[in-house]
């Protein structure tokens, strides 16, 4: 049996299929425990260790709740609350060692979160998001489209098969692989975190009191053309276009420094009201963006494997400073590939910190 697929059913909607799958998993666990936790492999080899989600007591509880829903004794929400109470549990990543034993690694989980991030089910009618990296299975053909369960994959096949057969999904997988190998831009998971912060920040800034009190042309443009579109919408639910993104960045940097820092601090406080999975974005970094962000005119003088070198004249100190910056989803060099001009190229943009790197805002 596909043991992991069976165990994955416990977090989904109760159904006859889920009950059958849990019973299959329980049978497998009993046999596995009877064998001394050993699975015989080909060529005489064997694998020894534990099973994720393989606790018989837990599986029995899952079975009980699923059957209760099917019999009409409980609602789905009550069953979910019984199975998954609203408490924070520390996530662990299991890895097999050379001795066959299992060990926990927080570093592995953090590394995967940076590299692959948290994917949303590809089915447009499903809102499920991974609670830890690599949780969802991918389409076996394109190796890219993630699905939280087989039902979602089957339900989405009519739509997905067009892009799957056309090779569009395979191209996305290749782009992600290329991005993760590049040293001149963030990895997939890192860029996902930054963009999540940016989406929420732009929405917050465009509707903030600080922007309304800013008497600049850039602020006025946002208040007239963008703010009305966001009125009444939940924070972070809108992904703005490139032009709107550029306008909001310009408006943010046009603020008085103290007012801008106040806006960033209020943003961080506001984001504490939202719940994100462990390993998700840390919105506290936005405070650093307000304090240490550098904006204005830059001279791009050299592209390297580790990023792009930009020069900027500090208006307060009258010094010319150099920065080695990387892109968020692609290198700065690739962003400028359509420009025929030789280096140096002069651009108006902003740089801000992320972990031990300097990011270019990309517009």
Protein backbone atom coordinates (compact mmCIF):
# COMPACT_ATOMS: atom_id res chain seq x y z
CA UNK A 1 0.00 0.00 0.00
CA UNK A 2 0.97 3.67 -0.35
CA UNK A 3 1.33 4.16 3.39
CA UNK A 4 2.01 7.91 3.32
CA UNK A 5 -0.98 8.53 1.07
CA UNK A 6 -3.14 6.59 3.55
CA UNK A 7 -1.87 8.62 6.50
CA UNK A 8 -2.42 11.88 4.60
CA UNK A 9 -6.15 11.11 4.54
CA UNK A 10 -6.45 11.80 8.26
CA UNK A 11 -6.24 15.56 7.71
CA UNK A 12 -8.85 15.61 4.94
CA UNK A 13 -12.65 15.41 4.81
CA UNK A 14 -14.05 12.22 6.36
CA UNK A 15 -15.32 9.77 3.73
CA UNK A 16 -15.57 6.00 3.14
CA UNK A 17 -12.23 6.28 1.31
CA UNK A 18 -10.56 7.95 4.30
CA UNK A 19 -11.86 5.25 6.67
CA UNK A 20 -10.58 2.49 4.39
CA UNK A 21 -7.20 4.20 4.10
CA UNK A 22 -6.79 4.65 7.85
CA UNK A 23 -7.66 0.99 8.40
CA UNK A 24 -5.05 0.02 5.79
CA UNK A 25 -2.48 2.18 7.57
CA UNK A 26 -3.32 0.57 10.92
CA UNK A 27 -2.91 -2.91 9.44
CA UNK A 28 0.45 -1.93 8.02
CA UNK A 29 1.63 -0.45 11.32
CA UNK A 30 0.68 -3.65 13.19
CA UNK A 31 2.69 -5.73 10.72
CA UNK A 32 5.56 -3.25 10.87
CA UNK A 33 5.70 -3.36 14.66
CA UNK A 34 5.49 -7.18 14.63
CA UNK A 35 8.53 -7.30 12.35
CA UNK A 36 10.62 -5.29 14.81
CA UNK A 37 10.24 -2.05 12.81
CA UNK A 38 12.11 -3.52 9.83
CA UNK A 39 11.15 -3.36 6.15
CA UNK A 40 12.90 -5.85 3.86
CA UNK A 41 14.23 -4.24 0.69
CA UNK A 42 15.47 -5.73 -2.56
CA UNK A 43 18.84 -7.51 -2.76
CA UNK A 44 18.60 -8.54 0.90
CA UNK A 45 18.84 -5.03 2.34
CA UNK A 46 16.59 -3.77 5.13
CA UNK A 47 15.38 -0.45 6.50
CA UNK A 48 14.79 0.10 10.18
CA UNK A 49 13.18 3.14 11.81
CA UNK A 50 9.98 4.82 12.83
CA UNK A 51 6.95 5.83 10.76
CA UNK A 52 5.63 9.38 10.35
CA UNK A 53 2.12 9.44 11.77
CA UNK A 54 2.46 5.76 12.64
CA UNK A 55 1.31 5.86 16.25
CA UNK A 56 -1.51 3.31 16.65
CA UNK A 57 -3.19 5.40 19.32
CA UNK A 58 -3.35 8.40 16.99
CA UNK A 59 -4.57 6.33 14.05
CA UNK A 60 -7.30 4.84 16.25
CA UNK A 61 -8.36 8.37 17.24
CA UNK A 62 -8.43 9.42 13.57
CA UNK A 63 -10.56 6.40 12.68
CA UNK A 64 -12.98 7.08 15.52
CA UNK A 65 -13.52 10.72 14.49
CA UNK A 66 -13.92 9.90 10.78
CA UNK A 67 -16.47 7.19 11.53
CA UNK A 68 -18.35 9.52 13.92
CA UNK A 69 -18.82 12.06 11.12
CA UNK A 70 -20.01 9.44 8.65
CA UNK A 71 -22.56 8.14 11.18
CA UNK A 72 -23.86 11.67 11.80
CA UNK A 73 -22.72 11.69 15.44
CA UNK A 74 -20.39 14.68 14.95
CA UNK A 75 -19.96 17.59 12.59
CA UNK A 76 -16.78 17.87 10.51
CA UNK A 77 -15.70 20.98 12.40
CA UNK A 78 -16.09 19.24 15.78
CA UNK A 79 -14.12 16.25 14.52
CA UNK A 80 -11.36 18.50 13.22
CA UNK A 81 -11.18 20.31 16.55
CA UNK A 82 -10.84 16.98 18.32
CA UNK A 83 -8.11 15.78 15.96
CA UNK A 84 -6.25 19.05 15.57
CA UNK A 85 -6.76 21.37 18.57
CA UNK A 86 -5.75 24.98 18.05
CA UNK A 87 -2.37 24.76 19.77
CA UNK A 88 1.12 25.37 18.50
CA UNK A 89 3.21 22.24 18.11
CA UNK A 90 6.90 22.37 17.36
CA UNK A 91 7.58 21.09 13.86
CA UNK A 92 10.32 18.53 13.41
CA UNK A 93 11.88 17.10 10.28
CA UNK A 94 12.81 13.40 10.35
CA UNK A 95 15.91 12.13 8.56
CA UNK A 96 17.33 8.63 8.34
CA UNK A 97 20.89 8.20 9.62
CA UNK A 98 23.48 5.69 8.41
CA UNK A 99 22.54 3.41 11.32
CA UNK A 100 18.91 3.36 10.24
CA UNK A 101 17.76 5.36 13.28
CA UNK A 102 15.75 8.53 13.08
CA UNK A 103 16.85 11.96 14.15
CA UNK A 104 15.21 15.36 14.31
CA UNK A 105 16.64 18.38 12.53
CA UNK A 106 15.37 21.93 12.88
CA UNK A 107 18.12 23.03 10.47
CA UNK A 108 16.80 20.71 7.78
CA UNK A 109 13.31 22.13 8.16
CA UNK A 110 14.63 25.71 7.97
CA UNK A 111 16.75 24.88 4.94
CA UNK A 112 13.81 23.35 3.11
CA UNK A 113 11.65 26.35 4.02
CA UNK A 114 14.25 28.64 2.40
CA UNK A 115 14.77 26.41 -0.63
CA UNK A 116 11.30 25.21 -1.64
CA UNK A 117 8.97 27.21 0.60
CA UNK A 118 5.34 26.35 1.32
CA UNK A 119 3.18 25.47 -1.67
CA UNK A 120 -0.55 25.92 -2.15
CA UNK A 121 -2.66 23.18 -3.69
CA UNK A 122 -2.81 23.74 -7.45
CA UNK A 123 -6.55 23.06 -7.58
CA UNK A 124 -8.14 26.55 -7.91
CA UNK A 125 -11.07 25.47 -5.71
CA UNK A 126 -8.78 24.43 -2.83
CA UNK A 127 -7.14 26.81 -0.35
CA UNK A 128 -4.93 24.25 1.42
CA UNK A 129 -1.32 25.30 2.02
CA UNK A 130 1.49 23.06 3.19
CA UNK A 131 2.12 23.14 6.93
CA UNK A 132 5.73 22.12 6.27
CA UNK A 133 7.92 22.02 3.13
CA UNK A 134 7.50 19.11 0.68
CA UNK A 135 4.25 17.98 2.32
CA UNK A 136 2.17 17.88 -0.87
CA UNK A 137 2.74 15.43 -3.70
CA UNK A 138 3.39 16.74 -7.24
CA UNK A 139 2.00 15.78 -10.61
CA UNK A 140 3.99 12.74 -11.77
CA UNK A 141 4.20 14.05 -15.33
CA UNK A 142 5.39 17.65 -14.94
CA UNK A 143 6.95 17.20 -11.46
CA UNK A 144 5.72 20.67 -10.50
CA UNK A 145 1.97 21.07 -9.82
CA UNK A 146 1.39 20.37 -6.07
CA UNK A 147 -1.79 18.75 -4.75
CA UNK A 148 -2.89 18.19 -1.16
CA UNK A 149 -4.75 14.98 -2.06
CA UNK A 150 -5.66 12.73 -4.96
CA UNK A 151 -9.21 14.10 -5.15
CA UNK A 152 -7.87 17.61 -5.77
CA UNK A 153 -5.55 16.31 -8.49
CA UNK A 154 -8.35 14.40 -10.22
CA UNK A 155 -10.69 17.37 -9.95
CA UNK A 156 -8.10 19.73 -11.46
CA UNK A 157 -6.88 17.42 -14.24
CA UNK A 158 -9.19 18.89 -16.92
CA UNK A 159 -7.61 22.31 -16.36
CA UNK A 160 -4.07 21.22 -15.54
CA UNK A 161 -3.59 18.74 -18.42
CA UNK A 162 -3.44 21.58 -20.96
CA UNK A 163 -0.48 23.30 -19.31
CA UNK A 164 0.99 19.93 -18.31
CA UNK A 165 0.99 18.58 -21.89
CA UNK A 166 2.13 21.92 -23.29
CA UNK A 167 5.17 21.84 -21.03
CA UNK A 168 4.25 25.04 -19.18
CA UNK A 169 4.48 23.37 -15.76
CA UNK A 170 7.80 21.73 -16.66
CA UNK A 171 9.12 25.19 -17.54
CA UNK A 172 8.05 26.48 -14.11
CA UNK A 173 9.88 23.58 -12.47
CA UNK A 174 12.99 24.41 -14.50
CA UNK A 175 12.75 28.10 -13.58
CA UNK A 176 12.54 27.21 -9.88
CA UNK A 177 15.56 24.92 -10.19
CA UNK A 178 17.51 27.69 -11.97
CA UNK A 179 16.52 30.23 -9.31
CA UNK A 180 17.67 27.96 -6.47
CA UNK A 181 21.05 27.41 -8.14
CA UNK A 182 21.64 31.14 -8.66
CA UNK A 183 23.68 33.09 -6.12
CA UNK A 184 22.49 36.43 -7.50
CA UNK A 185 18.88 36.11 -6.32
CA UNK A 186 16.98 34.55 -3.43
CA UNK A 187 15.98 30.88 -3.33
CA UNK A 188 12.33 29.98 -3.92
CA UNK A 189 11.38 29.80 -0.25
CA UNK A 190 13.27 32.98 0.63
CA UNK A 191 11.68 34.96 -2.21
CA UNK A 192 8.29 33.59 -1.17
CA UNK A 193 8.77 35.03 2.33
CA UNK A 194 9.92 38.42 1.04
CA UNK A 195 7.06 38.69 -1.46
CA UNK A 196 4.58 37.75 1.26
CA UNK A 197 5.90 40.64 3.36
CA UNK A 198 5.85 42.97 0.36
CA UNK A 199 2.24 42.09 -0.61
CA UNK A 200 1.02 42.87 2.90
CA UNK A 201 3.26 45.94 3.24
CA UNK A 202 2.04 47.52 0.00
CA UNK A 203 -1.59 46.99 0.93
CA UNK A 204 -1.00 48.40 4.40
CA UNK A 205 1.05 51.39 3.15
CA UNK A 206 -1.47 52.35 0.46
CA UNK A 207 -4.24 52.60 3.08
CA UNK A 208 -2.15 53.93 5.98
CA UNK A 209 -2.69 57.18 7.85
CA UNK A 210 1.01 57.97 7.42
CA UNK A 211 0.64 58.00 3.62
CA UNK A 212 -2.45 60.23 3.86
CA UNK A 213 -0.36 62.75 5.82
CA UNK A 214 2.44 62.67 3.22
CA UNK A 215 2.34 65.68 0.91
CA UNK A 216 4.30 64.37 -2.09
CA UNK A 217 3.43 63.71 -5.72
CA UNK A 218 4.19 59.98 -5.32
CA UNK A 219 1.89 59.69 -2.30
CA UNK A 220 -0.90 61.57 -4.08
CA UNK A 221 -0.65 59.24 -7.09
CA UNK A 222 -1.15 56.16 -4.86
CA UNK A 223 -4.00 57.73 -2.89
CA UNK A 224 -5.87 58.58 -6.10
CA UNK A 225 -5.19 55.53 -8.30
CA UNK A 226 -4.55 52.58 -5.94
CA UNK A 227 -6.00 53.19 -2.46
CA UNK A 228 -9.66 53.19 -3.68
CA UNK A 229 -9.15 49.71 -5.22
CA UNK A 230 -8.03 48.30 -1.85
CA UNK A 231 -10.81 49.79 0.24
CA UNK A 232 -12.66 47.14 2.24
CA UNK A 233 -10.36 44.28 1.20
CA UNK A 234 -8.55 42.10 3.72
CA UNK A 235 -4.87 42.92 4.12
CA UNK A 236 -2.62 40.93 1.78
CA UNK A 237 -5.38 39.38 -0.34
CA UNK A 238 -4.52 41.40 -3.46
CA UNK A 239 -1.43 40.93 -5.60
CA UNK A 240 -0.85 44.25 -7.33
CA UNK A 241 0.62 44.67 -10.80
CA UNK A 242 4.17 45.83 -11.47
CA UNK A 243 3.19 49.44 -12.12
CA UNK A 244 1.14 49.72 -8.91
CA UNK A 245 3.98 48.04 -7.01
CA UNK A 246 6.46 50.61 -8.32
CA UNK A 247 4.12 53.50 -7.46
CA UNK A 248 3.69 52.28 -3.85
CA UNK A 249 7.45 51.76 -3.39
CA UNK A 250 8.05 55.32 -4.60
CA UNK A 251 5.37 56.63 -2.24
CA UNK A 252 6.90 54.78 0.72
CA UNK A 253 10.37 56.16 0.06
CA UNK A 254 8.97 59.68 -0.51
CA UNK A 255 7.76 59.80 3.10
CA UNK A 256 9.59 61.75 5.75
CA UNK A 257 12.02 59.32 7.42
CA UNK A 258 10.36 59.49 10.85
CA UNK A 259 6.90 59.07 9.38
CA UNK A 260 8.10 56.17 7.24
CA UNK A 261 9.62 54.43 10.26
CA UNK A 262 6.37 54.96 12.15
CA UNK A 263 4.46 53.35 9.28
CA UNK A 264 6.79 50.31 9.23
CA UNK A 265 6.46 49.88 13.00
CA UNK A 266 2.66 50.05 12.83
CA UNK A 267 2.76 47.50 10.00
CA UNK A 268 4.77 45.04 12.13
CA UNK A 269 2.32 45.46 15.01
CA UNK A 270 -0.64 44.90 12.67
CA UNK A 271 0.86 41.69 11.24
CA UNK A 272 1.04 40.16 14.71
CA UNK A 273 -2.74 39.77 14.48
CA UNK A 274 -2.31 37.24 11.65
CA UNK A 275 -1.34 33.59 12.08
CA UNK A 276 1.25 32.09 9.72
CA UNK A 277 2.75 28.57 9.88
CA UNK A 278 6.09 28.10 11.57
CA UNK A 279 8.89 28.76 9.12
CA UNK A 280 6.77 31.45 7.45
CA UNK A 281 7.79 35.10 6.98
CA UNK A 282 9.04 37.19 9.88
CA UNK A 283 7.45 40.59 9.47
CA UNK A 284 9.80 42.10 12.05
CA UNK A 285 12.34 42.54 9.23
CA UNK A 286 10.15 45.37 7.91
CA UNK A 287 11.40 47.55 10.78
CA UNK A 288 14.93 47.10 9.41
CA UNK A 289 13.72 48.12 5.97
CA UNK A 290 12.45 51.38 7.40
CA UNK A 291 15.65 52.07 9.33
CA UNK A 292 18.26 50.90 6.84
CA UNK A 293 16.63 51.01 3.42
CA UNK A 294 18.59 53.02 0.84
CA UNK A 295 16.72 54.62 -2.05
CA UNK A 296 17.45 57.03 -4.87
CA UNK A 297 19.71 56.98 -7.93
CA UNK A 298 22.23 54.14 -8.28
CA UNK A 299 24.93 53.37 -10.80
CA UNK A 300 25.07 49.69 -11.74
CA UNK A 301 28.75 49.09 -12.46
CA UNK A 302 29.29 45.31 -12.48
CA UNK A 303 27.45 41.99 -12.49
CA UNK A 304 29.00 39.07 -10.60
CA UNK A 305 27.98 35.49 -9.76
CA UNK A 306 27.19 36.64 -6.22
CA UNK A 307 25.08 39.64 -7.22
CA UNK A 308 25.33 43.10 -8.78
CA UNK A 309 27.52 45.99 -7.59
CA UNK A 310 25.69 49.30 -7.30
CA UNK A 311 27.13 52.70 -6.32
CA UNK A 312 25.09 55.33 -4.51
CA UNK A 313 25.94 58.81 -3.26
CA UNK A 314 24.72 59.30 0.30
CA UNK A 315 22.89 62.63 0.44
CA UNK A 316 23.55 63.07 4.17
CA UNK A 317 27.24 62.11 4.28
CA UNK A 318 28.17 63.01 0.67
CA UNK A 319 30.02 59.69 0.40
CA UNK A 320 29.76 57.26 -2.50
CA UNK A 321 28.96 53.79 -1.14
CA UNK A 322 29.03 50.45 -2.90
CA UNK A 323 26.51 47.64 -2.40
CA UNK A 324 26.54 44.02 -3.55
CA UNK A 325 22.82 43.35 -4.09
CA UNK A 326 20.75 40.40 -5.24
CA UNK A 327 17.31 40.20 -6.83
CA UNK A 328 14.22 38.80 -5.14
CA UNK A 329 13.09 36.28 -7.78
CA UNK A 330 15.69 36.87 -10.51
CA UNK A 331 19.09 38.48 -10.81
CA UNK A 332 19.40 42.22 -11.39
CA UNK A 333 21.35 41.40 -14.56
CA UNK A 334 18.39 39.48 -16.00
CA UNK A 335 16.05 42.36 -15.10
CA UNK A 336 18.16 44.67 -17.26
CA UNK A 337 18.74 42.26 -20.15
CA UNK A 338 16.42 44.25 -22.45
CA UNK A 339 18.50 47.42 -22.01
CA UNK A 340 21.17 47.70 -24.73
CA UNK A 341 23.24 50.25 -22.82
CA UNK A 342 26.69 49.12 -21.62
CA UNK A 343 27.59 49.48 -17.96
CA UNK A 344 27.35 51.67 -16.01
CA UNK A 345 23.55 51.90 -16.12
CA UNK A 346 21.80 54.46 -13.93
CA UNK A 347 18.56 53.45 -12.20
CA UNK A 348 16.24 54.80 -9.55
CA UNK A 349 15.43 52.03 -7.06
CA UNK A 350 15.85 50.99 -3.44
CA UNK A 351 17.93 48.47 -1.51
CA UNK A 352 17.02 46.91 1.83
CA UNK A 353 18.36 44.15 4.10
CA UNK A 354 17.20 40.54 4.32
CA UNK A 355 19.14 38.14 6.59
CA UNK A 356 22.79 38.60 5.58
CA UNK A 357 22.00 39.96 2.11
CA UNK A 358 21.10 43.23 0.42
CA UNK A 359 18.00 43.07 -1.77
CA UNK A 360 17.02 45.24 -4.73
CA UNK A 361 13.30 46.00 -4.70
CA UNK A 362 13.12 45.05 -8.40
CA UNK A 363 11.31 48.11 -9.75
